[in-house]
Amino acid sequence: MGLILLEALGAGLLLILIVWWTMFSGRNKGELHDEDRPADDDTGARRPPEQ
């Protein structure tokens, strides 16, 4: 019984570590704002044709 609880605790800690890693290991200053992005970004967003 103790071994099962130890495994469950280890799995829970691993889950928390993975979630923390994915949330806080990004850019140093967060995501770029629209005005900070270059004009030729690769987001796939459609732009209106230039006239």
N, C-alpha and C. Protein backbone atom coordinates (compact mmCIF):
# COMPACT_ATOMS: atom_id res chain seq x y z
N MET A 1 0.83 -1.19 0.00
CA MET A 1 0.00 0.00 0.00
C MET A 1 0.87 1.26 0.00
N GLY A 2 1.93 1.23 0.77
CA GLY A 2 2.83 2.38 0.83
C GLY A 2 3.52 2.64 -0.50
N LEU A 3 3.84 1.57 -1.21
CA LEU A 3 4.49 1.71 -2.51
C LEU A 3 3.55 2.38 -3.52
N ILE A 4 2.29 2.03 -3.47
CA ILE A 4 1.31 2.65 -4.38
C ILE A 4 1.18 4.14 -4.08
N LEU A 5 1.14 4.50 -2.81
CA LEU A 5 1.06 5.92 -2.46
C LEU A 5 2.32 6.67 -2.87
N LEU A 6 3.47 6.03 -2.74
CA LEU A 6 4.72 6.65 -3.16
C LEU A 6 4.74 6.87 -4.67
N GLU A 7 4.26 5.90 -5.44
CA GLU A 7 4.18 6.05 -6.89
C GLU A 7 3.20 7.16 -7.26
N ALA A 8 2.08 7.24 -6.58
CA ALA A 8 1.10 8.29 -6.87
C ALA A 8 1.69 9.67 -6.56
N LEU A 9 2.42 9.78 -5.48
CA LEU A 9 3.08 11.04 -5.13
C LEU A 9 4.12 11.42 -6.19
N GLY A 10 4.89 10.46 -6.64
CA GLY A 10 5.88 10.71 -7.69
C GLY A 10 5.24 11.14 -8.99
N ALA A 11 4.13 10.50 -9.37
CA ALA A 11 3.43 10.87 -10.59
C ALA A 11 2.84 12.27 -10.47
N GLY A 12 2.31 12.61 -9.31
CA GLY A 12 1.77 13.95 -9.10
C GLY A 12 2.85 15.02 -9.17
N LEU A 13 4.00 14.74 -8.56
CA LEU A 13 5.11 15.69 -8.62
C LEU A 13 5.62 15.85 -10.05
N LEU A 14 5.66 14.76 -10.79
CA LEU A 14 6.08 14.84 -12.19
C LEU A 14 5.10 15.67 -13.01
N LEU A 15 3.82 15.50 -12.77
CA LEU A 15 2.81 16.28 -13.46
C LEU A 15 2.96 17.77 -13.14
N ILE A 16 3.15 18.09 -11.88
CA ILE A 16 3.33 19.49 -11.48
C ILE A 16 4.59 20.07 -12.12
N LEU A 17 5.66 19.30 -12.18
CA LEU A 17 6.90 19.76 -12.80
C LEU A 17 6.70 20.04 -14.28
N ILE A 18 6.01 19.16 -14.99
CA ILE A 18 5.77 19.36 -16.42
C ILE A 18 4.92 20.60 -16.66
N VAL A 19 3.88 20.79 -15.87
CA VAL A 19 3.02 21.97 -16.03
C VAL A 19 3.80 23.23 -15.72
N TRP A 20 4.59 23.23 -14.66
CA TRP A 20 5.40 24.41 -14.32
C TRP A 20 6.40 24.72 -15.43
N TRP A 21 7.04 23.69 -15.95
CA TRP A 21 8.04 23.87 -17.00
C TRP A 21 7.41 24.50 -18.24
N THR A 22 6.24 24.02 -18.65
CA THR A 22 5.61 24.54 -19.85
C THR A 22 5.06 25.94 -19.64
N MET A 23 4.69 26.30 -18.44
CA MET A 23 4.12 27.63 -18.19
C MET A 23 5.20 28.69 -18.07
N PHE A 24 6.31 28.39 -17.45
CA PHE A 24 7.26 29.43 -17.07
C PHE A 24 8.61 29.34 -17.78
N SER A 25 8.77 28.51 -18.79
CA SER A 25 10.06 28.43 -19.45
C SER A 25 10.05 29.08 -20.82
N GLY A 26 9.19 30.07 -21.02
CA GLY A 26 9.08 30.73 -22.31
C GLY A 26 10.04 31.90 -22.43
N ARG A 27 9.58 32.93 -23.08
CA ARG A 27 10.39 34.13 -23.28
C ARG A 27 10.66 34.82 -21.95
N ASN A 28 11.78 35.55 -21.89
CA ASN A 28 12.12 36.26 -20.66
C ASN A 28 11.14 37.38 -20.36
N LYS A 29 10.68 38.06 -21.40
CA LYS A 29 9.76 39.19 -21.19
C LYS A 29 8.34 38.84 -21.62
N GLY A 30 8.00 37.60 -21.71
CA GLY A 30 6.66 37.19 -22.10
C GLY A 30 6.50 37.18 -23.61
N GLU A 31 5.28 37.08 -24.05
CA GLU A 31 4.98 37.05 -25.47
C GLU A 31 5.14 38.43 -26.09
N LEU A 32 5.44 38.44 -27.39
CA LEU A 32 5.57 39.71 -28.09
C LEU A 32 4.20 40.32 -28.32
N HIS A 33 4.13 41.63 -28.20
CA HIS A 33 2.90 42.34 -28.52
C HIS A 33 2.84 42.58 -30.02
N ASP A 34 1.67 42.94 -30.53
CA ASP A 34 1.50 43.11 -31.97
C ASP A 34 2.44 44.17 -32.53
N GLU A 35 2.67 45.26 -31.82
CA GLU A 35 3.53 46.31 -32.34
C GLU A 35 5.00 45.91 -32.32
N ASP A 36 5.37 44.88 -31.57
CA ASP A 36 6.76 44.43 -31.50
C ASP A 36 7.09 43.37 -32.55
N ARG A 37 6.08 42.81 -33.20
CA ARG A 37 6.32 41.74 -34.16
C ARG A 37 6.84 42.31 -35.48
N PRO A 38 7.71 41.57 -36.14
CA PRO A 38 8.15 42.01 -37.46
C PRO A 38 7.01 41.91 -38.47
N ALA A 39 7.11 42.65 -39.55
CA ALA A 39 6.03 42.68 -40.55
C ALA A 39 5.88 41.34 -41.27
N ASP A 40 6.94 40.56 -41.39
CA ASP A 40 6.88 39.30 -42.11
C ASP A 40 6.92 38.10 -41.16
N ASP A 41 6.07 38.13 -40.14
CA ASP A 41 6.04 37.02 -39.19
C ASP A 41 5.40 35.79 -39.83
N ASP A 42 5.64 34.63 -39.25
CA ASP A 42 5.17 33.37 -39.79
C ASP A 42 3.95 32.84 -39.07
N THR A 43 3.07 33.73 -38.64
CA THR A 43 1.90 33.27 -37.88
C THR A 43 0.83 32.67 -38.77
N GLY A 44 0.90 32.90 -40.07
CA GLY A 44 -0.09 32.34 -40.97
C GLY A 44 -1.34 33.19 -41.04
N ALA A 45 -1.35 34.31 -40.38
CA ALA A 45 -2.51 35.19 -40.42
C ALA A 45 -2.58 35.86 -41.78
N ARG A 46 -3.79 35.97 -42.30
CA ARG A 46 -3.98 36.62 -43.59
C ARG A 46 -3.98 38.13 -43.41
N ARG A 47 -3.35 38.79 -44.35
CA ARG A 47 -3.33 40.24 -44.34
C ARG A 47 -4.13 40.75 -45.52
N PRO A 48 -4.75 41.91 -45.39
CA PRO A 48 -5.45 42.46 -46.56
C PRO A 48 -4.43 42.84 -47.63
N PRO A 49 -4.81 42.74 -48.89
CA PRO A 49 -3.86 43.09 -49.95
C PRO A 49 -3.51 44.57 -49.90
N GLU A 50 -2.24 44.84 -50.16
CA GLU A 50 -1.80 46.23 -50.15
C GLU A 50 -2.19 46.91 -51.44
N GLN A 51 -2.62 48.17 -51.35
CA GLN A 51 -3.03 48.90 -52.56
C GLN A 51 -2.17 50.08 -52.80
